[in-house]
Amino acid sequence: MELKEITCIVCPLGCRIQVEMEGGEIKSVKGYSCSRGLEYAKNEVTMPKRTITTSVRAIGGHLPLLSVRTKEPVPKEKIQEIMLELAKVEVKAPVKIGDVVVKNILGTGVDIIATRNLYVK
């Protein structure tokens, strides 16, 4: 039997959750205060995901970089590969908040979107 302890990051409470696992299956979950914490704990021990925030190069804009993020969380093990791919991306101004900068990054089904406006220089 394996016991995994995680801190929930869904809300500011930061519940310390204990997940008991056996043979790769969840046997029990303790220490959460809400259903969102329970769901977070189950996902964190079976398939952890994260939202990526970063910047990409901007061409012809009022700023040299454009801040972007994943529209949805992506598998944690894909983060480094996604960051390497985003290092190659260049966007042309104009761009609006919410515009898709990269569609379906590395086949994950998740888009990269702009988090600020980029105006033409």
PDB file of N, CA and C in Angstrom:
ATOM      1  N   MET A   1       0.839  -1.175   0.000  1.00  0.00           N
ATOM      2  CA  MET A   1       0.000   0.000   0.000  1.00  0.00           C
ATOM      3  C   MET A   1       0.889   1.246   0.000  1.00  0.00           C
ATOM      4  N   GLU A   2       0.533   2.214  -0.819  1.00  0.00           N
ATOM      5  CA  GLU A   2       1.309   3.447  -0.956  1.00  0.00           C
ATOM      6  C   GLU A   2       0.449   4.632  -0.531  1.00  0.00           C
ATOM      7  N   LEU A   3       1.030   5.543   0.255  1.00  0.00           N
ATOM      8  CA  LEU A   3       0.321   6.742   0.701  1.00  0.00           C
ATOM      9  C   LEU A   3       0.971   7.958   0.058  1.00  0.00           C
ATOM     10  N   LYS A   4       0.179   8.713  -0.701  1.00  0.00           N
ATOM     11  CA  LYS A   4       0.674   9.940  -1.326  1.00  0.00           C
ATOM     12  C   LYS A   4       0.034  11.117  -0.612  1.00  0.00           C
ATOM     13  N   GLU A   5       0.866  12.094  -0.256  1.00  0.00           N
ATOM     14  CA  GLU A   5       0.356  13.303   0.384  1.00  0.00           C
ATOM     15  C   GLU A   5       0.548  14.467  -0.570  1.00  0.00           C
ATOM     16  N   ILE A   6      -0.538  15.206  -0.810  1.00  0.00           N
ATOM     17  CA  ILE A   6      -0.486  16.355  -1.706  1.00  0.00           C
ATOM     18  C   ILE A   6      -1.169  17.541  -1.042  1.00  0.00           C
ATOM     19  N   THR A   7      -0.807  18.724  -1.487  1.00  0.00           N
ATOM     20  CA  THR A   7      -1.476  19.941  -1.041  1.00  0.00           C
ATOM     21  C   THR A   7      -2.374  20.404  -2.173  1.00  0.00           C
ATOM     22  N   CYS A   8      -3.648  20.566  -1.861  1.00  0.00           N
ATOM     23  CA  CYS A   8      -4.616  20.985  -2.871  1.00  0.00           C
ATOM     24  C   CYS A   8      -4.367  22.448  -3.245  1.00  0.00           C
ATOM     25  N   ILE A   9      -4.418  22.745  -4.545  1.00  0.00           N
ATOM     26  CA  ILE A   9      -4.191  24.113  -5.023  1.00  0.00           C
ATOM     27  C   ILE A   9      -5.435  24.708  -5.687  1.00  0.00           C
ATOM     28  N   VAL A  10      -6.580  24.057  -5.510  1.00  0.00           N
ATOM     29  CA  VAL A  10      -7.812  24.522  -6.142  1.00  0.00           C
ATOM     30  C   VAL A  10      -8.298  25.832  -5.527  1.00  0.00           C
ATOM     31  N   CYS A  11      -8.144  25.985  -4.223  1.00  0.00           N
ATOM     32  CA  CYS A  11      -8.584  27.217  -3.551  1.00  0.00           C
ATOM     33  C   CYS A  11      -7.542  27.620  -2.506  1.00  0.00           C
ATOM     34  N   PRO A  12      -7.714  28.768  -1.869  1.00  0.00           N
ATOM     35  CA  PRO A  12      -6.717  29.244  -0.898  1.00  0.00           C
ATOM     36  C   PRO A  12      -6.585  28.419   0.385  1.00  0.00           C
ATOM     37  N   LEU A  13      -7.496  27.498   0.663  1.00  0.00           N
ATOM     38  CA  LEU A  13      -7.402  26.702   1.889  1.00  0.00           C
ATOM     39  C   LEU A  13      -6.150  25.834   1.930  1.00  0.00           C
ATOM     40  N   GLY A  14      -5.743  25.291   0.795  1.00  0.00           N
ATOM     41  CA  GLY A  14      -4.533  24.462   0.735  1.00  0.00           C
ATOM     42  C   GLY A  14      -4.628  23.199   1.565  1.00  0.00           C
ATOM     43  N   CYS A  15      -5.728  22.476   1.439  1.00  0.00           N
ATOM     44  CA  CYS A  15      -5.928  21.246   2.212  1.00  0.00           C
ATOM     45  C   CYS A  15      -4.788  20.258   1.955  1.00  0.00           C
ATOM     46  N   ARG A  16      -4.373  19.591   3.021  1.00  0.00           N
ATOM     47  CA  ARG A  16      -3.373  18.524   2.903  1.00  0.00           C
ATOM     48  C   ARG A  16      -4.143  17.225   2.741  1.00  0.00           C
ATOM     49  N   ILE A  17      -4.026  16.645   1.578  1.00  0.00           N
ATOM     50  CA  ILE A  17      -4.827  15.472   1.233  1.00  0.00           C
ATOM     51  C   ILE A  17      -3.942  14.228   1.187  1.00  0.00           C
ATOM     52  N   GLN A  18      -4.451  13.142   1.782  1.00  0.00           N
ATOM     53  CA  GLN A  18      -3.751  11.862   1.759  1.00  0.00           C
ATOM     54  C   GLN A  18      -4.521  10.921   0.833  1.00  0.00           C
ATOM     55  N   VAL A  19      -3.798  10.366  -0.123  1.00  0.00           N
ATOM     56  CA  VAL A  19      -4.402   9.423  -1.066  1.00  0.00           C
ATOM     57  C   VAL A  19      -3.723   8.074  -0.875  1.00  0.00           C
ATOM     58  N   GLU A  20      -4.526   7.082  -0.529  1.00  0.00           N
ATOM     59  CA  GLU A  20      -4.018   5.734  -0.329  1.00  0.00           C
ATOM     60  C   GLU A  20      -4.212   4.959  -1.627  1.00  0.00           C
ATOM     61  N   MET A  21      -3.107   4.390  -2.135  1.00  0.00           N
ATOM     62  CA  MET A  21      -3.154   3.677  -3.412  1.00  0.00           C
ATOM     63  C   MET A  21      -2.659   2.251  -3.233  1.00  0.00           C
ATOM     64  N   GLU A  22      -3.218   1.377  -4.055  1.00  0.00           N
ATOM     65  CA  GLU A  22      -2.772  -0.015  -4.059  1.00  0.00           C
ATOM     66  C   GLU A  22      -2.853  -0.530  -5.491  1.00  0.00           C
ATOM     67  N   GLY A  23      -1.731  -0.979  -6.015  1.00  0.00           N
ATOM     68  CA  GLY A  23      -1.700  -1.496  -7.377  1.00  0.00           C
ATOM     69  C   GLY A  23      -2.113  -0.476  -8.421  1.00  0.00           C
ATOM     70  N   GLY A  24      -1.767   0.785  -8.192  1.00  0.00           N
ATOM     71  CA  GLY A  24      -2.096   1.848  -9.137  1.00  0.00           C
ATOM     72  C   GLY A  24      -3.532   2.342  -9.056  1.00  0.00           C
ATOM     73  N   GLU A  25      -4.307   1.808  -8.117  1.00  0.00           N
ATOM     74  CA  GLU A  25      -5.698   2.233  -7.944  1.00  0.00           C
ATOM     75  C   GLU A  25      -5.874   2.974  -6.629  1.00  0.00           C
ATOM     76  N   ILE A  26      -6.767   3.949  -6.636  1.00  0.00           N
ATOM     77  CA  ILE A  26      -7.057   4.731  -5.435  1.00  0.00           C
ATOM     78  C   ILE A  26      -7.960   3.909  -4.521  1.00  0.00           C
ATOM     79  N   LYS A  27      -7.520   3.740  -3.265  1.00  0.00           N
ATOM     80  CA  LYS A  27      -8.316   3.009  -2.274  1.00  0.00           C
ATOM     81  C   LYS A  27      -9.082   3.969  -1.368  1.00  0.00           C
ATOM     82  N   SER A  28      -8.437   5.095  -0.986  1.00  0.00           N
ATOM     83  CA  SER A  28      -9.135   6.079  -0.148  1.00  0.00           C
ATOM     84  C   SER A  28      -8.497   7.451  -0.302  1.00  0.00           C
ATOM     85  N   VAL A  29      -9.304   8.480  -0.040  1.00  0.00           N
ATOM     86  CA  VAL A  29      -8.845   9.867  -0.088  1.00  0.00           C
ATOM     87  C   VAL A  29      -9.339  10.547   1.179  1.00  0.00           C
ATOM     88  N   LYS A  30      -8.419  11.198   1.909  1.00  0.00           N
ATOM     89  CA  LYS A  30      -8.774  11.868   3.166  1.00  0.00           C
ATOM     90  C   LYS A  30      -8.148  13.256   3.212  1.00  0.00           C
ATOM     91  N   GLY A  31      -8.800  14.163   3.940  1.00  0.00           N
ATOM     92  CA  GLY A  31      -8.219  15.478   4.192  1.00  0.00           C
ATOM     93  C   GLY A  31      -8.724  16.599   3.308  1.00  0.00           C
ATOM     94  N   TYR A  32      -9.625  16.323   2.397  1.00  0.00           N
ATOM     95  CA  TYR A  32     -10.155  17.372   1.519  1.00  0.00           C
ATOM     96  C   TYR A  32     -11.390  18.017   2.163  1.00  0.00           C
ATOM     97  N   SER A  33     -11.636  19.281   1.826  1.00  0.00           N
ATOM     98  CA  SER A  33     -12.770  20.013   2.404  1.00  0.00           C
ATOM     99  C   SER A  33     -13.953  20.147   1.453  1.00  0.00           C
ATOM    100  N   CYS A  34     -13.731  19.890   0.166  1.00  0.00           N
ATOM    101  CA  CYS A  34     -14.821  20.072  -0.798  1.00  0.00           C
ATOM    102  C   CYS A  34     -14.673  19.072  -1.944  1.00  0.00           C
ATOM    103  N   SER A  35     -15.710  18.982  -2.763  1.00  0.00           N
ATOM    104  CA  SER A  35     -15.691  18.028  -3.879  1.00  0.00           C
ATOM    105  C   SER A  35     -14.620  18.380  -4.911  1.00  0.00           C
ATOM    106  N   ARG A  36     -14.313  19.684  -5.030  1.00  0.00           N
ATOM    107  CA  ARG A  36     -13.261  20.085  -5.975  1.00  0.00           C
ATOM    108  C   ARG A  36     -11.906  19.556  -5.513  1.00  0.00           C
ATOM    109  N   GLY A  37     -11.683  19.544  -4.205  1.00  0.00           N
ATOM    110  CA  GLY A  37     -10.442  19.012  -3.652  1.00  0.00           C
ATOM    111  C   GLY A  37     -10.321  17.517  -3.880  1.00  0.00           C
ATOM    112  N   LEU A  38     -11.434  16.817  -3.731  1.00  0.00           N
ATOM    113  CA  LEU A  38     -11.451  15.378  -3.982  1.00  0.00           C
ATOM    114  C   LEU A  38     -11.098  15.097  -5.439  1.00  0.00           C
ATOM    115  N   GLU A  39     -11.721  15.825  -6.352  1.00  0.00           N
ATOM    116  CA  GLU A  39     -11.457  15.648  -7.785  1.00  0.00           C
ATOM    117  C   GLU A  39     -10.004  15.986  -8.123  1.00  0.00           C
ATOM    118  N   TYR A  40      -9.491  17.085  -7.538  1.00  0.00           N
ATOM    119  CA  TYR A  40      -8.096  17.479  -7.766  1.00  0.00           C
ATOM    120  C   TYR A  40      -7.152  16.359  -7.320  1.00  0.00           C
ATOM    121  N   ALA A  41      -7.385  15.818  -6.125  1.00  0.00           N
ATOM    122  CA  ALA A  41      -6.506  14.777  -5.589  1.00  0.00           C
ATOM    123  C   ALA A  41      -6.506  13.537  -6.482  1.00  0.00           C
ATOM    124  N   LYS A  42      -7.683  13.127  -6.921  1.00  0.00           N
ATOM    125  CA  LYS A  42      -7.772  11.949  -7.800  1.00  0.00           C
ATOM    126  C   LYS A  42      -6.997  12.176  -9.094  1.00  0.00           C
ATOM    127  N   ASN A  43      -7.173  13.354  -9.688  1.00  0.00           N
ATOM    128  CA  ASN A  43      -6.464  13.663 -10.934  1.00  0.00           C
ATOM    129  C   ASN A  43      -4.962  13.800 -10.718  1.00  0.00           C
ATOM    130  N   GLU A  44      -4.568  14.391  -9.600  1.00  0.00           N
ATOM    131  CA  GLU A  44      -3.151  14.644  -9.335  1.00  0.00           C
ATOM    132  C   GLU A  44      -2.354  13.349  -9.193  1.00  0.00           C
ATOM    133  N   VAL A  45      -2.941  12.328  -8.612  1.00  0.00           N
ATOM    134  CA  VAL A  45      -2.201  11.072  -8.433  1.00  0.00           C
ATOM    135  C   VAL A  45      -2.294  10.149  -9.644  1.00  0.00           C
ATOM    136  N   THR A  46      -3.309  10.335 -10.488  1.00  0.00           N
ATOM    137  CA  THR A  46      -3.440   9.452 -11.648  1.00  0.00           C
ATOM    138  C   THR A  46      -2.918  10.081 -12.934  1.00  0.00           C
ATOM    139  N   MET A  47      -3.224  11.374 -13.172  1.00  0.00           N
ATOM    140  CA  MET A  47      -2.756  12.055 -14.377  1.00  0.00           C
ATOM    141  C   MET A  47      -2.655  13.550 -14.086  1.00  0.00           C
ATOM    142  N   PRO A  48      -1.541  13.972 -13.478  1.00  0.00           N
ATOM    143  CA  PRO A  48      -1.401  15.394 -13.127  1.00  0.00           C
ATOM    144  C   PRO A  48      -1.352  16.293 -14.358  1.00  0.00           C
ATOM    145  N   LYS A  49      -2.031  17.438 -14.254  1.00  0.00           N
ATOM    146  CA  LYS A  49      -2.062  18.413 -15.344  1.00  0.00           C
ATOM    147  C   LYS A  49      -1.743  19.791 -14.798  1.00  0.00           C
ATOM    148  N   ARG A  50      -1.238  20.647 -15.671  1.00  0.00           N
ATOM    149  CA  ARG A  50      -0.904  22.020 -15.295  1.00  0.00           C
ATOM    150  C   ARG A  50      -1.264  22.971 -16.426  1.00  0.00           C
ATOM    151  N   THR A  51      -1.537  24.221 -16.059  1.00  0.00           N
ATOM    152  CA  THR A  51      -1.711  25.289 -17.033  1.00  0.00           C
ATOM    153  C   THR A  51      -0.344  25.922 -17.240  1.00  0.00           C
ATOM    154  N   ILE A  52       0.047  26.117 -18.481  1.00  0.00           N
ATOM    155  CA  ILE A  52       1.336  26.739 -18.800  1.00  0.00           C
ATOM    156  C   ILE A  52       1.101  28.206 -19.128  1.00  0.00           C
ATOM    157  N   THR A  53       1.909  29.077 -18.544  1.00  0.00           N
ATOM    158  CA  THR A  53       1.922  30.493 -18.915  1.00  0.00           C
ATOM    159  C   THR A  53       3.341  30.849 -19.316  1.00  0.00           C
ATOM    160  N   THR A  54       3.481  31.552 -20.430  1.00  0.00           N
ATOM    161  CA  THR A  54       4.805  31.929 -20.921  1.00  0.00           C
ATOM    162  C   THR A  54       4.651  33.083 -21.906  1.00  0.00           C
ATOM    163  N   SER A  55       5.713  33.375 -22.622  1.00  0.00           N
ATOM    164  CA  SER A  55       5.691  34.423 -23.650  1.00  0.00           C
ATOM    165  C   SER A  55       6.243  33.867 -24.951  1.00  0.00           C
ATOM    166  N   VAL A  56       5.763  34.433 -26.069  1.00  0.00           N
ATOM    167  CA  VAL A  56       6.296  34.089 -27.392  1.00  0.00           C
ATOM    168  C   VAL A  56       6.743  35.373 -28.074  1.00  0.00           C
ATOM    169  N   ARG A  57       7.616  35.231 -29.071  1.00  0.00           N
ATOM    170  CA  ARG A  57       8.117  36.406 -29.789  1.00  0.00           C
ATOM    171  C   ARG A  57       7.004  37.082 -30.579  1.00  0.00           C
ATOM    172  N   ALA A  58       7.049  38.414 -30.585  1.00  0.00           N
ATOM    173  CA  ALA A  58       6.066  39.196 -31.335  1.00  0.00           C
ATOM    174  C   ALA A  58       6.776  39.968 -32.437  1.00  0.00           C
ATOM    175  N   ILE A  59       6.182  39.976 -33.628  1.00  0.00           N
ATOM    176  CA  ILE A  59       6.746  40.690 -34.773  1.00  0.00           C
ATOM    177  C   ILE A  59       5.813  41.839 -35.142  1.00  0.00           C
ATOM    178  N   GLY A  60       6.399  43.031 -35.280  1.00  0.00           N
ATOM    179  CA  GLY A  60       5.629  44.189 -35.720  1.00  0.00           C
ATOM    180  C   GLY A  60       4.674  44.748 -34.693  1.00  0.00           C
ATOM    181  N   GLY A  61       4.872  44.373 -33.447  1.00  0.00           N
ATOM    182  CA  GLY A  61       3.979  44.841 -32.393  1.00  0.00           C
ATOM    183  C   GLY A  61       4.600  45.905 -31.517  1.00  0.00           C
ATOM    184  N   HIS A  62       3.791  46.480 -30.639  1.00  0.00           N
ATOM    185  CA  HIS A  62       4.281  47.509 -29.723  1.00  0.00           C
ATOM    186  C   HIS A  62       5.111  46.914 -28.582  1.00  0.00           C
ATOM    187  N   LEU A  63       5.138  45.578 -28.482  1.00  0.00           N
ATOM    188  CA  LEU A  63       5.938  44.871 -27.483  1.00  0.00           C
ATOM    189  C   LEU A  63       6.764  43.788 -28.173  1.00  0.00           C
ATOM    190  N   PRO A  64       7.929  43.435 -27.610  1.00  0.00           N
ATOM    191  CA  PRO A  64       8.747  42.389 -28.228  1.00  0.00           C
ATOM    192  C   PRO A  64       8.241  40.973 -27.947  1.00  0.00           C
ATOM    193  N   LEU A  65       7.431  40.829 -26.888  1.00  0.00           N
ATOM    194  CA  LEU A  65       6.906  39.519 -26.505  1.00  0.00           C
ATOM    195  C   LEU A  65       5.401  39.602 -26.270  1.00  0.00           C
ATOM    196  N   LEU A  66       4.722  38.476 -26.454  1.00  0.00           N
ATOM    197  CA  LEU A  66       3.292  38.379 -26.190  1.00  0.00           C
ATOM    198  C   LEU A  66       3.076  37.295 -25.143  1.00  0.00           C
ATOM    199  N   SER A  67       2.375  37.622 -24.063  1.00  0.00           N
ATOM    200  CA  SER A  67       2.091  36.617 -23.039  1.00  0.00           C
ATOM    201  C   SER A  67       0.978  35.687 -23.527  1.00  0.00           C
ATOM    202  N   VAL A  68       1.169  34.396 -23.253  1.00  0.00           N
ATOM    203  CA  VAL A  68       0.231  33.362 -23.685  1.00  0.00           C
ATOM    204  C   VAL A  68       0.056  32.341 -22.567  1.00  0.00           C
ATOM    205  N   ARG A  69      -0.984  31.514 -22.714  1.00  0.00           N
ATOM    206  CA  ARG A  69      -1.199  30.400 -21.781  1.00  0.00           C
ATOM    207  C   ARG A  69      -1.957  29.291 -22.494  1.00  0.00           C
ATOM    208  N   THR A  70      -1.959  28.117 -21.860  1.00  0.00           N
ATOM    209  CA  THR A  70      -2.775  27.035 -22.393  1.00  0.00           C
ATOM    210  C   THR A  70      -4.228  27.331 -22.045  1.00  0.00           C
ATOM    211  N   LYS A  71      -5.122  27.018 -22.958  1.00  0.00           N
ATOM    212  CA  LYS A  71      -6.547  27.270 -22.721  1.00  0.00           C
ATOM    213  C   LYS A  71      -7.081  26.344 -21.629  1.00  0.00           C
ATOM    214  N   GLU A  72      -6.494  25.173 -21.531  1.00  0.00           N
ATOM    215  CA  GLU A  72      -6.845  24.175 -20.519  1.00  0.00           C
ATOM    216  C   GLU A  72      -5.542  23.568 -20.000  1.00  0.00           C
ATOM    217  N   PRO A  73      -5.588  22.921 -18.841  1.00  0.00           N
ATOM    218  CA  PRO A  73      -4.377  22.254 -18.352  1.00  0.00           C
ATOM    219  C   PRO A  73      -3.924  21.143 -19.304  1.00  0.00           C
ATOM    220  N   VAL A  74      -2.617  20.922 -19.341  1.00  0.00           N
ATOM    221  CA  VAL A  74      -2.019  19.874 -20.176  1.00  0.00           C
ATOM    222  C   VAL A  74      -1.318  18.862 -19.276  1.00  0.00           C
ATOM    223  N   PRO A  75      -1.111  17.629 -19.754  1.00  0.00           N
ATOM    224  CA  PRO A  75      -0.398  16.639 -18.949  1.00  0.00           C
ATOM    225  C   PRO A  75       0.971  17.176 -18.504  1.00  0.00           C
ATOM    226  N   LYS A  76       1.264  16.976 -17.235  1.00  0.00           N
ATOM    227  CA  LYS A  76       2.501  17.494 -16.639  1.00  0.00           C
ATOM    228  C   LYS A  76       3.747  17.013 -17.384  1.00  0.00           C
ATOM    229  N   GLU A  77       3.726  15.783 -17.870  1.00  0.00           N
ATOM    230  CA  GLU A  77       4.912  15.241 -18.549  1.00  0.00           C
ATOM    231  C   GLU A  77       5.156  15.876 -19.914  1.00  0.00           C
ATOM    232  N   LYS A  78       4.194  16.627 -20.437  1.00  0.00           N
ATOM    233  CA  LYS A  78       4.340  17.296 -21.740  1.00  0.00           C
ATOM    234  C   LYS A  78       4.860  18.735 -21.618  1.00  0.00           C
ATOM    235  N   ILE A  79       4.991  19.252 -20.409  1.00  0.00           N
ATOM    236  CA  ILE A  79       5.334  20.667 -20.222  1.00  0.00           C
ATOM    237  C   ILE A  79       6.641  21.044 -20.911  1.00  0.00           C
ATOM    238  N   GLN A  80       7.699  20.298 -20.683  1.00  0.00           N
ATOM    239  CA  GLN A  80       8.995  20.646 -21.270  1.00  0.00           C
ATOM    240  C   GLN A  80       8.935  20.631 -22.796  1.00  0.00           C
ATOM    241  N   GLU A  81       8.301  19.640 -23.354  1.00  0.00           N
ATOM    242  CA  GLU A  81       8.168  19.520 -24.811  1.00  0.00           C
ATOM    243  C   GLU A  81       7.358  20.697 -25.386  1.00  0.00           C
ATOM    244  N   ILE A  82       6.295  21.072 -24.688  1.00  0.00           N
ATOM    245  CA  ILE A  82       5.475  22.205 -25.129  1.00  0.00           C
ATOM    246  C   ILE A  82       6.274  23.501 -25.055  1.00  0.00           C
ATOM    247  N   MET A  83       7.029  23.690 -23.983  1.00  0.00           N
ATOM    248  CA  MET A  83       7.840  24.906 -23.836  1.00  0.00           C
ATOM    249  C   MET A  83       8.879  25.003 -24.956  1.00  0.00           C
ATOM    250  N   LEU A  84       9.488  23.893 -25.327  1.00  0.00           N
ATOM    251  CA  LEU A  84      10.458  23.899 -26.428  1.00  0.00           C
ATOM    252  C   LEU A  84       9.783  24.280 -27.742  1.00  0.00           C
ATOM    253  N   GLU A  85       8.567  23.807 -27.949  1.00  0.00           N
ATOM    254  CA  GLU A  85       7.821  24.146 -29.159  1.00  0.00           C
ATOM    255  C   GLU A  85       7.437  25.629 -29.164  1.00  0.00           C
ATOM    256  N   LEU A  86       7.025  26.147 -28.018  1.00  0.00           N
ATOM    257  CA  LEU A  86       6.632  27.559 -27.934  1.00  0.00           C
ATOM    258  C   LEU A  86       7.821  28.497 -28.120  1.00  0.00           C
ATOM    259  N   ALA A  87       9.023  28.024 -27.830  1.00  0.00           N
ATOM    260  CA  ALA A  87      10.221  28.844 -28.034  1.00  0.00           C
ATOM    261  C   ALA A  87      10.437  29.148 -29.518  1.00  0.00           C
ATOM    262  N   LYS A  88       9.841  28.353 -30.400  1.00  0.00           N
ATOM    263  CA  LYS A  88       9.980  28.548 -31.850  1.00  0.00           C
ATOM    264  C   LYS A  88       8.890  29.455 -32.433  1.00  0.00           C
ATOM    265  N   VAL A  89       7.876  29.759 -31.639  1.00  0.00           N
ATOM    266  CA  VAL A  89       6.701  30.483 -32.140  1.00  0.00           C
ATOM    267  C   VAL A  89       6.953  31.984 -32.234  1.00  0.00           C
ATOM    268  N   GLU A  90       6.522  32.574 -33.345  1.00  0.00           N
ATOM    269  CA  GLU A  90       6.529  34.028 -33.528  1.00  0.00           C
ATOM    270  C   GLU A  90       5.136  34.425 -33.996  1.00  0.00           C
ATOM    271  N   VAL A  91       4.581  35.475 -33.399  1.00  0.00           N
ATOM    272  CA  VAL A  91       3.255  35.953 -33.807  1.00  0.00           C
ATOM    273  C   VAL A  91       3.373  37.337 -34.423  1.00  0.00           C
ATOM    274  N   LYS A  92       2.505  37.615 -35.385  1.00  0.00           N
ATOM    275  CA  LYS A  92       2.483  38.929 -36.030  1.00  0.00           C
ATOM    276  C   LYS A  92       1.345  39.751 -35.440  1.00  0.00           C
ATOM    277  N   ALA A  93       1.651  41.001 -35.149  1.00  0.00           N
ATOM    278  CA  ALA A  93       0.622  41.925 -34.661  1.00  0.00           C
ATOM    279  C   ALA A  93      -0.343  42.221 -35.799  1.00  0.00           C
ATOM    280  N   PRO A  94      -1.596  42.488 -35.534  1.00  0.00           N
ATOM    281  CA  PRO A  94      -2.234  42.605 -34.226  1.00  0.00           C
ATOM    282  C   PRO A  94      -2.753  41.260 -33.706  1.00  0.00           C
ATOM    283  N   VAL A  95      -2.829  41.158 -32.370  1.00  0.00           N
ATOM    284  CA  VAL A  95      -3.383  39.989 -31.694  1.00  0.00           C
ATOM    285  C   VAL A  95      -4.274  40.508 -30.567  1.00  0.00           C
ATOM    286  N   LYS A  96      -5.418  39.862 -30.370  1.00  0.00           N
ATOM    287  CA  LYS A  96      -6.336  40.244 -29.293  1.00  0.00           C
ATOM    288  C   LYS A  96      -6.324  39.193 -28.196  1.00  0.00           C
ATOM    289  N   ILE A  97      -6.638  39.620 -26.984  1.00  0.00           N
ATOM    290  CA  ILE A  97      -6.761  38.682 -25.867  1.00  0.00           C
ATOM    291  C   ILE A  97      -7.717  37.556 -26.261  1.00  0.00           C
ATOM    292  N   GLY A  98      -7.300  36.333 -26.012  1.00  0.00           N
ATOM    293  CA  GLY A  98      -8.135  35.176 -26.316  1.00  0.00           C
ATOM    294  C   GLY A  98      -7.916  34.578 -27.693  1.00  0.00           C
ATOM    295  N   ASP A  99      -7.194  35.299 -28.571  1.00  0.00           N
ATOM    296  CA  ASP A  99      -6.891  34.740 -29.894  1.00  0.00           C
ATOM    297  C   ASP A  99      -6.058  33.472 -29.745  1.00  0.00           C
ATOM    298  N   VAL A 100      -6.328  32.494 -30.595  1.00  0.00           N
ATOM    299  CA  VAL A 100      -5.539  31.260 -30.593  1.00  0.00           C
ATOM    300  C   VAL A 100      -4.219  31.537 -31.300  1.00  0.00           C
ATOM    301  N   VAL A 101      -3.127  31.320 -30.590  1.00  0.00           N
ATOM    302  CA  VAL A 101      -1.783  31.533 -31.122  1.00  0.00           C
ATOM    303  C   VAL A 101      -1.259  30.233 -31.734  1.00  0.00           C
ATOM    304  N   VAL A 102      -1.496  29.111 -31.061  1.00  0.00           N
ATOM    305  CA  VAL A 102      -1.142  27.782 -31.574  1.00  0.00           C
ATOM    306  C   VAL A 102      -2.341  26.874 -31.320  1.00  0.00           C
ATOM    307  N   LYS A 103      -2.828  26.254 -32.372  1.00  0.00           N
ATOM    308  CA  LYS A 103      -3.970  25.340 -32.253  1.00  0.00           C
ATOM    309  C   LYS A 103      -3.459  23.937 -31.947  1.00  0.00           C
ATOM    310  N   ASN A 104      -4.077  23.278 -30.984  1.00  0.00           N
ATOM    311  CA  ASN A 104      -3.796  21.868 -30.683  1.00  0.00           C
ATOM    312  C   ASN A 104      -2.297  21.604 -30.504  1.00  0.00           C
ATOM    313  N   ILE A 105      -1.678  22.277 -29.558  1.00  0.00           N
ATOM    314  CA  ILE A 105      -0.229  22.166 -29.342  1.00  0.00           C
ATOM    315  C   ILE A 105       0.191  20.702 -29.147  1.00  0.00           C
ATOM    316  N   LEU A 106       1.075  20.246 -29.992  1.00  0.00           N
ATOM    317  CA  LEU A 106       1.645  18.891 -29.967  1.00  0.00           C
ATOM    318  C   LEU A 106       0.598  17.786 -29.871  1.00  0.00           C
ATOM    319  N   GLY A 107      -0.555  18.002 -30.487  1.00  0.00           N
ATOM    320  CA  GLY A 107      -1.589  16.975 -30.512  1.00  0.00           C
ATOM    321  C   GLY A 107      -2.282  16.726 -29.184  1.00  0.00           C
ATOM    322  N   THR A 108      -2.152  17.658 -28.246  1.00  0.00           N
ATOM    323  CA  THR A 108      -2.774  17.493 -26.928  1.00  0.00           C
ATOM    324  C   THR A 108      -4.259  17.822 -26.934  1.00  0.00           C
ATOM    325  N   GLY A 109      -4.721  18.507 -27.991  1.00  0.00           N
ATOM    326  CA  GLY A 109      -6.103  18.954 -28.024  1.00  0.00           C
ATOM    327  C   GLY A 109      -6.306  20.287 -27.327  1.00  0.00           C
ATOM    328  N   VAL A 110      -5.207  20.888 -26.867  1.00  0.00           N
ATOM    329  CA  VAL A 110      -5.262  22.152 -26.128  1.00  0.00           C
ATOM    330  C   VAL A 110      -4.640  23.267 -26.968  1.00  0.00           C
ATOM    331  N   ASP A 111      -5.331  24.398 -27.017  1.00  0.00           N
ATOM    332  CA  ASP A 111      -4.838  25.562 -27.757  1.00  0.00           C
ATOM    333  C   ASP A 111      -4.016  26.469 -26.849  1.00  0.00           C
ATOM    334  N   ILE A 112      -3.096  27.210 -27.456  1.00  0.00           N
ATOM    335  CA  ILE A 112      -2.347  28.262 -26.766  1.00  0.00           C
ATOM    336  C   ILE A 112      -3.026  29.571 -27.136  1.00  0.00           C
ATOM    337  N   ILE A 113      -3.414  30.361 -26.121  1.00  0.00           N
ATOM    338  CA  ILE A 113      -4.133  31.606 -26.384  1.00  0.00           C
ATOM    339  C   ILE A 113      -3.373  32.815 -25.847  1.00  0.00           C
ATOM    340  N   ALA A 114      -3.622  33.965 -26.471  1.00  0.00           N
ATOM    341  CA  ALA A 114      -3.009  35.229 -26.041  1.00  0.00           C
ATOM    342  C   ALA A 114      -3.680  35.709 -24.757  1.00  0.00           C
ATOM    343  N   THR A 115      -2.882  36.263 -23.852  1.00  0.00           N
ATOM    344  CA  THR A 115      -3.432  36.782 -22.597  1.00  0.00           C
ATOM    345  C   THR A 115      -3.356  38.304 -22.521  1.00  0.00           C
ATOM    346  N   ARG A 116      -2.978  38.935 -23.627  1.00  0.00           N
ATOM    347  CA  ARG A 116      -3.017  40.398 -23.710  1.00  0.00           C
ATOM    348  C   ARG A 116      -3.116  40.803 -25.169  1.00  0.00           C
ATOM    349  N   ASN A 117      -3.445  42.054 -25.389  1.00  0.00           N
ATOM    350  CA  ASN A 117      -3.523  42.584 -26.749  1.00  0.00           C
ATOM    351  C   ASN A 117      -2.133  42.967 -27.230  1.00  0.00           C
ATOM    352  N   LEU A 118      -1.905  42.784 -28.513  1.00  0.00           N
ATOM    353  CA  LEU A 118      -0.661  43.204 -29.148  1.00  0.00           C
ATOM    354  C   LEU A 118      -1.048  44.093 -30.321  1.00  0.00           C
ATOM    355  N   TYR A 119      -0.699  45.359 -30.214  1.00  0.00           N
ATOM    356  CA  TYR A 119      -1.049  46.339 -31.239  1.00  0.00           C
ATOM    357  C   TYR A 119       0.074  46.481 -32.260  1.00  0.00           C
ATOM    358  N   VAL A 120      -0.274  46.892 -33.467  1.00  0.00           N
ATOM    359  CA  VAL A 120       0.719  47.144 -34.507  1.00  0.00           C
ATOM    360  C   VAL A 120       1.547  48.349 -34.096  1.00  0.00           C
ATOM    361  N   LYS A 121       2.847  48.237 -34.290  1.00  0.00           N
ATOM    362  CA  LYS A 121       3.791  49.298 -33.919  1.00  0.00           C
ATOM    363  C   LYS A 121       3.539  50.559 -34.680  1.00  0.00           C
TER     364      LYS A 121
END
